[in-house]
């Protein structure tokens, strides 16, 4: 897959996950989830994301809903994950177009993590009647946040 290759294949995504964990484990919004068993969680997330972004089919872990069902993860935490992952991509020097592609690819995982069904309406990324971009405050606000990173 082209996105997988543009991210540097498995090695590049592994490095990206290192950057994400450096950011995420200091983020008060999500660090409690990442620090519980950091190395095991990081290894599982890396294999899952490599596969999800077009790499080798190697994930043999539990379903995401099962993993997260007792953790109390909600949309706020998933939004924080996405923001931190975006910062890691930006910090790795990836182009804005590639960052956008990755973020769009990660968004549908929200339903799996939060134990929701995926259906056609998920493609619009609606929550509380607003698409993702509006939840971030619109194009200009998102652009300002990204530029300040």
N, C-alpha and C. Protein backbone atom coordinates (compact mmCIF):
# COMPACT_ATOMS: atom_id res chain seq x y z
N UNK A 1 0.85 -1.20 0.00
CA UNK A 1 0.00 0.00 0.00
C UNK A 1 0.88 1.24 0.00
N UNK A 2 0.48 2.23 -0.75
CA UNK A 2 1.26 3.46 -0.89
C UNK A 2 1.43 4.22 0.43
N UNK A 3 0.35 4.33 1.22
CA UNK A 3 0.44 5.05 2.48
C UNK A 3 1.46 4.38 3.41
N UNK A 4 1.41 3.06 3.48
CA UNK A 4 2.34 2.29 4.28
C UNK A 4 3.78 2.58 3.87
N UNK A 5 4.03 2.59 2.56
CA UNK A 5 5.38 2.87 2.05
C UNK A 5 5.80 4.30 2.32
N UNK A 6 4.86 5.26 2.15
CA UNK A 6 5.20 6.67 2.38
C UNK A 6 5.49 6.96 3.85
N UNK A 7 4.97 6.11 4.74
CA UNK A 7 5.26 6.26 6.17
C UNK A 7 6.58 5.59 6.56
N UNK A 8 7.24 4.96 5.60
CA UNK A 8 8.51 4.32 5.87
C UNK A 8 8.39 2.84 6.19
N UNK A 9 7.30 2.23 5.75
CA UNK A 9 7.02 0.81 5.97
C UNK A 9 7.00 0.50 7.48
N UNK A 10 7.24 -0.74 7.84
CA UNK A 10 7.13 -1.14 9.25
C UNK A 10 8.10 -0.37 10.13
N UNK A 11 9.31 -0.14 9.65
CA UNK A 11 10.32 0.57 10.44
C UNK A 11 9.90 2.01 10.71
N UNK A 12 9.37 2.66 9.69
CA UNK A 12 8.92 4.04 9.84
C UNK A 12 7.75 4.15 10.80
N UNK A 13 6.82 3.21 10.71
CA UNK A 13 5.67 3.24 11.61
C UNK A 13 6.10 2.91 13.03
N UNK A 14 7.06 2.01 13.19
CA UNK A 14 7.58 1.70 14.52
C UNK A 14 8.22 2.93 15.15
N UNK A 15 8.98 3.66 14.36
CA UNK A 15 9.58 4.91 14.83
C UNK A 15 8.50 5.94 15.17
N UNK A 16 7.48 6.00 14.34
CA UNK A 16 6.36 6.90 14.58
C UNK A 16 5.67 6.54 15.90
N UNK A 17 5.52 5.25 16.17
CA UNK A 17 4.91 4.83 17.43
C UNK A 17 5.77 5.21 18.63
N UNK A 18 7.09 5.18 18.46
CA UNK A 18 7.98 5.66 19.53
C UNK A 18 7.67 7.12 19.82
N UNK A 19 7.55 7.92 18.76
CA UNK A 19 7.25 9.34 18.93
C UNK A 19 5.87 9.53 19.57
N UNK A 20 4.88 8.75 19.10
CA UNK A 20 3.55 8.85 19.68
C UNK A 20 3.58 8.54 21.17
N UNK A 21 4.28 7.49 21.56
CA UNK A 21 4.33 7.14 22.98
C UNK A 21 5.08 8.18 23.80
N UNK A 22 6.08 8.82 23.22
CA UNK A 22 6.75 9.92 23.93
C UNK A 22 5.77 11.06 24.20
N UNK A 23 4.91 11.32 23.26
CA UNK A 23 3.90 12.38 23.41
C UNK A 23 2.74 11.90 24.29
N UNK A 24 2.19 10.74 23.98
CA UNK A 24 1.00 10.24 24.66
C UNK A 24 1.20 9.95 26.14
N UNK A 25 2.40 9.49 26.51
CA UNK A 25 2.64 9.15 27.91
C UNK A 25 2.87 10.39 28.78
N UNK A 26 2.92 11.55 28.15
CA UNK A 26 2.99 12.80 28.93
C UNK A 26 1.69 13.60 28.84
N UNK A 27 0.74 13.10 28.05
CA UNK A 27 -0.54 13.78 27.86
C UNK A 27 -1.49 13.34 28.98
N UNK A 28 -1.85 14.26 29.85
CA UNK A 28 -2.69 13.93 31.00
C UNK A 28 -4.03 13.32 30.59
N UNK A 29 -4.46 13.57 29.37
CA UNK A 29 -5.75 13.04 28.92
C UNK A 29 -5.72 11.54 28.67
N UNK A 30 -4.57 10.99 28.29
CA UNK A 30 -4.53 9.57 27.92
C UNK A 30 -3.38 8.78 28.53
N UNK A 31 -2.48 9.42 29.24
CA UNK A 31 -1.30 8.69 29.72
C UNK A 31 -1.65 7.53 30.64
N UNK A 32 -2.75 7.64 31.40
CA UNK A 32 -3.13 6.54 32.29
C UNK A 32 -3.37 5.25 31.53
N UNK A 33 -3.85 5.33 30.31
CA UNK A 33 -4.12 4.14 29.51
C UNK A 33 -2.83 3.56 28.92
N UNK A 34 -1.91 4.43 28.55
CA UNK A 34 -0.68 3.99 27.88
C UNK A 34 0.37 3.49 28.84
N UNK A 35 0.36 3.96 30.07
CA UNK A 35 1.41 3.61 31.03
C UNK A 35 1.12 2.33 31.81
N UNK A 36 -0.09 1.78 31.70
CA UNK A 36 -0.45 0.58 32.47
C UNK A 36 0.49 -0.59 32.18
N UNK A 37 0.81 -0.81 30.95
CA UNK A 37 1.73 -1.87 30.52
C UNK A 37 2.33 -1.39 29.20
N UNK A 38 3.11 -0.32 29.31
CA UNK A 38 3.55 0.46 28.15
C UNK A 38 4.12 -0.38 27.01
N UNK A 39 5.07 -1.23 27.29
CA UNK A 39 5.73 -1.97 26.21
C UNK A 39 4.79 -2.94 25.51
N UNK A 40 3.92 -3.62 26.26
CA UNK A 40 2.97 -4.54 25.65
C UNK A 40 1.95 -3.78 24.81
N UNK A 41 1.46 -2.66 25.34
CA UNK A 41 0.48 -1.84 24.62
C UNK A 41 1.11 -1.26 23.35
N UNK A 42 2.32 -0.77 23.48
CA UNK A 42 3.02 -0.19 22.33
C UNK A 42 3.24 -1.24 21.24
N UNK A 43 3.65 -2.43 21.63
CA UNK A 43 3.89 -3.50 20.65
C UNK A 43 2.59 -3.87 19.94
N UNK A 44 1.51 -4.02 20.69
CA UNK A 44 0.22 -4.36 20.09
C UNK A 44 -0.30 -3.28 19.18
N UNK A 45 -0.21 -2.03 19.64
CA UNK A 45 -0.67 -0.91 18.81
C UNK A 45 0.15 -0.81 17.53
N UNK A 46 1.45 -1.04 17.63
CA UNK A 46 2.32 -0.93 16.46
C UNK A 46 1.93 -1.96 15.41
N UNK A 47 1.77 -3.21 15.82
CA UNK A 47 1.39 -4.27 14.87
C UNK A 47 0.03 -3.95 14.25
N UNK A 48 -0.92 -3.50 15.08
CA UNK A 48 -2.26 -3.18 14.59
C UNK A 48 -2.22 -2.04 13.56
N UNK A 49 -1.49 -0.98 13.89
CA UNK A 49 -1.45 0.20 13.01
C UNK A 49 -0.67 -0.10 11.74
N UNK A 50 0.40 -0.88 11.83
CA UNK A 50 1.13 -1.29 10.63
C UNK A 50 0.16 -1.99 9.67
N UNK A 51 -0.59 -2.94 10.19
CA UNK A 51 -1.54 -3.67 9.35
C UNK A 51 -2.63 -2.75 8.81
N UNK A 52 -3.16 -1.91 9.69
CA UNK A 52 -4.26 -1.03 9.30
C UNK A 52 -3.86 -0.05 8.19
N UNK A 53 -2.62 0.37 8.20
CA UNK A 53 -2.16 1.36 7.23
C UNK A 53 -1.53 0.72 5.99
N UNK A 54 -1.76 -0.59 5.81
CA UNK A 54 -1.36 -1.24 4.57
C UNK A 54 -0.19 -2.18 4.68
N UNK A 55 0.30 -2.43 5.87
CA UNK A 55 1.43 -3.34 6.05
C UNK A 55 1.00 -4.79 6.14
N UNK A 56 1.95 -5.65 6.50
CA UNK A 56 1.66 -7.08 6.60
C UNK A 56 0.54 -7.38 7.59
N UNK A 57 -0.26 -8.38 7.26
CA UNK A 57 -1.37 -8.80 8.12
C UNK A 57 -0.80 -9.66 9.24
N UNK A 58 -0.52 -9.05 10.39
CA UNK A 58 0.13 -9.78 11.48
C UNK A 58 -0.56 -9.62 12.83
N UNK A 59 -1.60 -8.79 12.91
CA UNK A 59 -2.26 -8.58 14.20
C UNK A 59 -3.08 -9.80 14.58
N UNK A 60 -2.78 -10.34 15.77
CA UNK A 60 -3.48 -11.53 16.25
C UNK A 60 -4.05 -11.28 17.64
N UNK A 61 -4.16 -10.01 18.01
CA UNK A 61 -4.67 -9.66 19.32
C UNK A 61 -6.18 -9.72 19.39
N UNK A 62 -6.69 -9.33 20.56
CA UNK A 62 -8.13 -9.30 20.79
C UNK A 62 -8.77 -8.21 19.95
N UNK A 63 -10.10 -8.28 19.84
CA UNK A 63 -10.85 -7.21 19.19
C UNK A 63 -10.69 -5.93 20.01
N UNK A 64 -10.65 -4.78 19.33
CA UNK A 64 -10.43 -3.52 20.03
C UNK A 64 -11.52 -3.21 21.06
N UNK A 65 -12.75 -3.54 20.75
CA UNK A 65 -13.85 -3.30 21.70
C UNK A 65 -13.62 -4.08 22.99
N UNK A 66 -13.16 -5.31 22.86
CA UNK A 66 -12.90 -6.15 24.04
C UNK A 66 -11.76 -5.59 24.87
N UNK A 67 -10.72 -5.13 24.21
CA UNK A 67 -9.56 -4.57 24.92
C UNK A 67 -9.97 -3.33 25.72
N UNK A 68 -10.80 -2.49 25.14
CA UNK A 68 -11.10 -1.18 25.73
C UNK A 68 -12.36 -1.12 26.58
N UNK A 69 -13.17 -2.18 26.59
CA UNK A 69 -14.50 -2.10 27.20
C UNK A 69 -14.49 -1.76 28.68
N UNK A 70 -13.50 -2.15 29.43
CA UNK A 70 -13.49 -1.88 30.88
C UNK A 70 -12.60 -0.69 31.25
N UNK A 71 -12.03 -0.03 30.26
CA UNK A 71 -11.08 1.05 30.54
C UNK A 71 -11.73 2.42 30.72
N UNK A 72 -12.96 2.57 30.29
CA UNK A 72 -13.61 3.87 30.40
C UNK A 72 -13.19 4.85 29.32
N UNK A 73 -12.70 4.34 28.20
CA UNK A 73 -12.29 5.19 27.09
C UNK A 73 -13.54 5.77 26.42
N UNK A 74 -13.50 7.05 26.12
CA UNK A 74 -14.63 7.70 25.46
C UNK A 74 -14.12 8.57 24.30
N UNK A 75 -15.01 9.32 23.69
CA UNK A 75 -14.64 10.16 22.54
C UNK A 75 -13.55 11.17 22.90
N UNK A 76 -13.60 11.72 24.09
CA UNK A 76 -12.59 12.68 24.54
C UNK A 76 -11.19 12.04 24.48
N UNK A 77 -11.08 10.82 24.98
CA UNK A 77 -9.80 10.13 24.97
C UNK A 77 -9.37 9.78 23.54
N UNK A 78 -10.32 9.37 22.71
CA UNK A 78 -9.96 9.04 21.33
C UNK A 78 -9.53 10.29 20.57
N UNK A 79 -10.19 11.41 20.82
CA UNK A 79 -9.77 12.67 20.20
C UNK A 79 -8.36 13.04 20.63
N UNK A 80 -8.04 12.80 21.91
CA UNK A 80 -6.69 13.08 22.40
C UNK A 80 -5.67 12.17 21.72
N UNK A 81 -6.03 10.90 21.56
CA UNK A 81 -5.16 9.97 20.84
C UNK A 81 -4.89 10.48 19.42
N UNK A 82 -5.96 10.88 18.72
CA UNK A 82 -5.79 11.38 17.36
C UNK A 82 -4.90 12.63 17.32
N UNK A 83 -5.11 13.54 18.25
CA UNK A 83 -4.31 14.76 18.29
C UNK A 83 -2.84 14.43 18.53
N UNK A 84 -2.57 13.53 19.45
CA UNK A 84 -1.18 13.15 19.75
C UNK A 84 -0.56 12.40 18.58
N UNK A 85 -1.34 11.55 17.92
CA UNK A 85 -0.83 10.83 16.76
C UNK A 85 -0.51 11.81 15.64
N UNK A 86 -1.37 12.79 15.47
CA UNK A 86 -1.11 13.84 14.47
C UNK A 86 0.16 14.61 14.78
N UNK A 87 0.38 14.91 16.06
CA UNK A 87 1.62 15.59 16.45
C UNK A 87 2.85 14.73 16.16
N UNK A 88 2.72 13.43 16.39
CA UNK A 88 3.83 12.51 16.10
C UNK A 88 4.13 12.49 14.60
N UNK A 89 3.08 12.45 13.79
CA UNK A 89 3.27 12.48 12.33
C UNK A 89 3.94 13.78 11.90
N UNK A 90 3.49 14.88 12.45
CA UNK A 90 4.06 16.18 12.12
C UNK A 90 5.52 16.24 12.56
N UNK A 91 5.77 15.74 13.76
CA UNK A 91 7.14 15.73 14.29
C UNK A 91 8.08 14.85 13.49
N UNK A 92 7.52 13.84 12.85
CA UNK A 92 8.33 12.94 12.01
C UNK A 92 8.60 13.55 10.64
N UNK A 93 8.02 14.74 10.39
CA UNK A 93 8.29 15.44 9.15
C UNK A 93 7.43 15.02 7.98
N UNK A 94 6.33 14.35 8.25
CA UNK A 94 5.47 13.93 7.15
C UNK A 94 4.69 15.10 6.56
N UNK A 95 4.40 15.02 5.28
CA UNK A 95 3.65 16.04 4.55
C UNK A 95 2.22 16.10 5.06
N UNK A 96 1.62 17.28 4.98
CA UNK A 96 0.25 17.48 5.44
C UNK A 96 -0.74 16.53 4.77
N UNK A 97 -0.55 16.27 3.49
CA UNK A 97 -1.46 15.40 2.76
C UNK A 97 -1.42 13.98 3.35
N UNK A 98 -0.24 13.50 3.66
CA UNK A 98 -0.09 12.17 4.24
C UNK A 98 -0.68 12.14 5.65
N UNK A 99 -0.45 13.18 6.42
CA UNK A 99 -1.01 13.27 7.77
C UNK A 99 -2.53 13.19 7.69
N UNK A 100 -3.12 13.94 6.76
CA UNK A 100 -4.58 13.90 6.59
C UNK A 100 -5.06 12.50 6.24
N UNK A 101 -4.35 11.82 5.34
CA UNK A 101 -4.74 10.47 4.95
C UNK A 101 -4.72 9.51 6.14
N UNK A 102 -3.67 9.62 6.94
CA UNK A 102 -3.54 8.75 8.11
C UNK A 102 -4.66 9.04 9.11
N UNK A 103 -4.92 10.31 9.36
CA UNK A 103 -5.96 10.67 10.32
C UNK A 103 -7.34 10.19 9.87
N UNK A 104 -7.60 10.31 8.57
CA UNK A 104 -8.88 9.82 8.04
C UNK A 104 -8.94 8.30 8.17
N UNK A 105 -7.82 7.63 8.01
CA UNK A 105 -7.78 6.16 8.15
C UNK A 105 -7.98 5.72 9.60
N UNK A 106 -7.49 6.53 10.54
CA UNK A 106 -7.60 6.17 11.96
C UNK A 106 -9.00 6.43 12.53
N UNK A 107 -9.69 7.42 12.00
CA UNK A 107 -10.99 7.81 12.57
C UNK A 107 -11.99 6.66 12.67
N UNK A 108 -12.14 5.80 11.67
CA UNK A 108 -13.11 4.71 11.79
C UNK A 108 -12.83 3.73 12.93
N UNK A 109 -11.59 3.72 13.42
CA UNK A 109 -11.22 2.84 14.53
C UNK A 109 -11.96 3.27 15.81
N UNK A 110 -12.39 4.52 15.84
CA UNK A 110 -13.15 5.04 17.00
C UNK A 110 -14.30 4.09 17.35
N UNK A 111 -15.06 3.67 16.35
CA UNK A 111 -16.21 2.79 16.59
C UNK A 111 -15.76 1.48 17.23
N UNK A 112 -14.66 0.93 16.75
CA UNK A 112 -14.15 -0.33 17.30
C UNK A 112 -13.68 -0.15 18.74
N UNK A 113 -12.93 0.89 19.01
CA UNK A 113 -12.40 1.15 20.35
C UNK A 113 -13.53 1.40 21.34
N UNK A 114 -14.54 2.14 20.90
CA UNK A 114 -15.63 2.51 21.81
C UNK A 114 -16.77 1.50 21.80
N UNK A 115 -16.61 0.41 21.06
CA UNK A 115 -17.61 -0.64 21.06
C UNK A 115 -18.90 -0.27 20.34
N UNK A 116 -18.78 0.57 19.33
CA UNK A 116 -19.95 0.98 18.54
C UNK A 116 -19.96 0.23 17.23
N UNK A 117 -21.14 0.17 16.62
CA UNK A 117 -21.20 -0.48 15.32
C UNK A 117 -20.73 0.51 14.25
N UNK A 118 -20.12 -0.04 13.23
CA UNK A 118 -19.74 0.77 12.07
C UNK A 118 -20.86 0.68 11.07
N UNK A 119 -21.31 1.81 10.58
CA UNK A 119 -22.31 1.81 9.52
C UNK A 119 -22.04 2.97 8.59
N UNK A 120 -22.87 3.16 7.63
CA UNK A 120 -22.65 4.19 6.62
C UNK A 120 -22.51 5.58 7.24
N UNK A 121 -23.24 5.86 8.31
CA UNK A 121 -23.16 7.19 8.90
C UNK A 121 -21.80 7.46 9.53
N UNK A 122 -21.05 6.40 9.88
CA UNK A 122 -19.72 6.60 10.44
C UNK A 122 -18.79 7.29 9.45
N UNK A 123 -19.03 7.10 8.16
CA UNK A 123 -18.18 7.72 7.16
C UNK A 123 -18.21 9.25 7.27
N UNK A 124 -19.28 9.80 7.78
CA UNK A 124 -19.39 11.24 7.94
C UNK A 124 -18.72 11.71 9.23
N UNK A 125 -18.28 10.80 10.08
CA UNK A 125 -17.60 11.09 11.33
C UNK A 125 -18.43 12.07 12.16
N UNK A 126 -19.67 11.71 12.34
CA UNK A 126 -20.58 12.57 13.10
C UNK A 126 -20.58 12.17 14.57
N UNK A 127 -20.60 13.17 15.43
CA UNK A 127 -20.76 12.98 16.87
C UNK A 127 -21.52 14.19 17.37
N UNK A 128 -22.57 13.94 18.10
CA UNK A 128 -23.42 15.03 18.59
C UNK A 128 -23.86 15.95 17.45
N UNK A 129 -24.08 15.37 16.27
CA UNK A 129 -24.57 16.14 15.13
C UNK A 129 -23.51 16.97 14.43
N UNK A 130 -22.23 16.78 14.80
CA UNK A 130 -21.16 17.58 14.18
C UNK A 130 -20.09 16.67 13.59
N UNK A 131 -19.58 17.02 12.41
CA UNK A 131 -18.46 16.27 11.86
C UNK A 131 -17.18 16.61 12.62
N UNK A 132 -16.17 15.79 12.45
CA UNK A 132 -14.90 15.94 13.16
C UNK A 132 -14.34 17.36 13.04
N UNK A 133 -14.33 17.92 11.85
CA UNK A 133 -13.73 19.24 11.64
C UNK A 133 -14.45 20.31 12.47
N UNK A 134 -15.76 20.21 12.60
CA UNK A 134 -16.50 21.18 13.41
C UNK A 134 -16.21 20.98 14.89
N UNK A 135 -16.01 19.73 15.31
CA UNK A 135 -15.69 19.47 16.71
C UNK A 135 -14.34 20.09 17.08
N UNK A 136 -13.46 20.21 16.10
CA UNK A 136 -12.17 20.85 16.33
C UNK A 136 -12.25 22.37 16.17
N UNK A 137 -13.42 22.90 15.87
CA UNK A 137 -13.59 24.35 15.77
C UNK A 137 -13.50 24.89 14.36
N UNK A 138 -13.57 24.06 13.36
CA UNK A 138 -13.54 24.51 11.98
C UNK A 138 -12.14 24.48 11.39
N UNK A 139 -12.07 24.71 10.09
CA UNK A 139 -10.80 24.64 9.36
C UNK A 139 -9.74 25.57 9.94
N UNK A 140 -10.12 26.80 10.20
CA UNK A 140 -9.13 27.78 10.66
C UNK A 140 -8.57 27.41 12.03
N UNK A 141 -9.41 26.94 12.94
CA UNK A 141 -8.95 26.55 14.27
C UNK A 141 -8.01 25.36 14.17
N UNK A 142 -8.38 24.35 13.36
CA UNK A 142 -7.53 23.18 13.18
C UNK A 142 -6.20 23.57 12.58
N UNK A 143 -6.22 24.45 11.60
CA UNK A 143 -4.99 24.92 10.96
C UNK A 143 -4.10 25.63 11.99
N UNK A 144 -4.70 26.45 12.85
CA UNK A 144 -3.95 27.16 13.88
C UNK A 144 -3.32 26.20 14.85
N UNK A 145 -4.06 25.18 15.26
CA UNK A 145 -3.53 24.18 16.19
C UNK A 145 -2.35 23.45 15.56
N UNK A 146 -2.51 23.00 14.32
CA UNK A 146 -1.44 22.27 13.65
C UNK A 146 -0.20 23.14 13.48
N UNK A 147 -0.39 24.39 13.10
CA UNK A 147 0.75 25.29 12.90
C UNK A 147 1.48 25.59 14.20
N UNK A 148 0.78 25.52 15.33
CA UNK A 148 1.42 25.83 16.61
C UNK A 148 2.19 24.65 17.19
N UNK A 149 2.09 23.49 16.54
CA UNK A 149 2.79 22.29 17.05
C UNK A 149 4.24 22.29 16.69
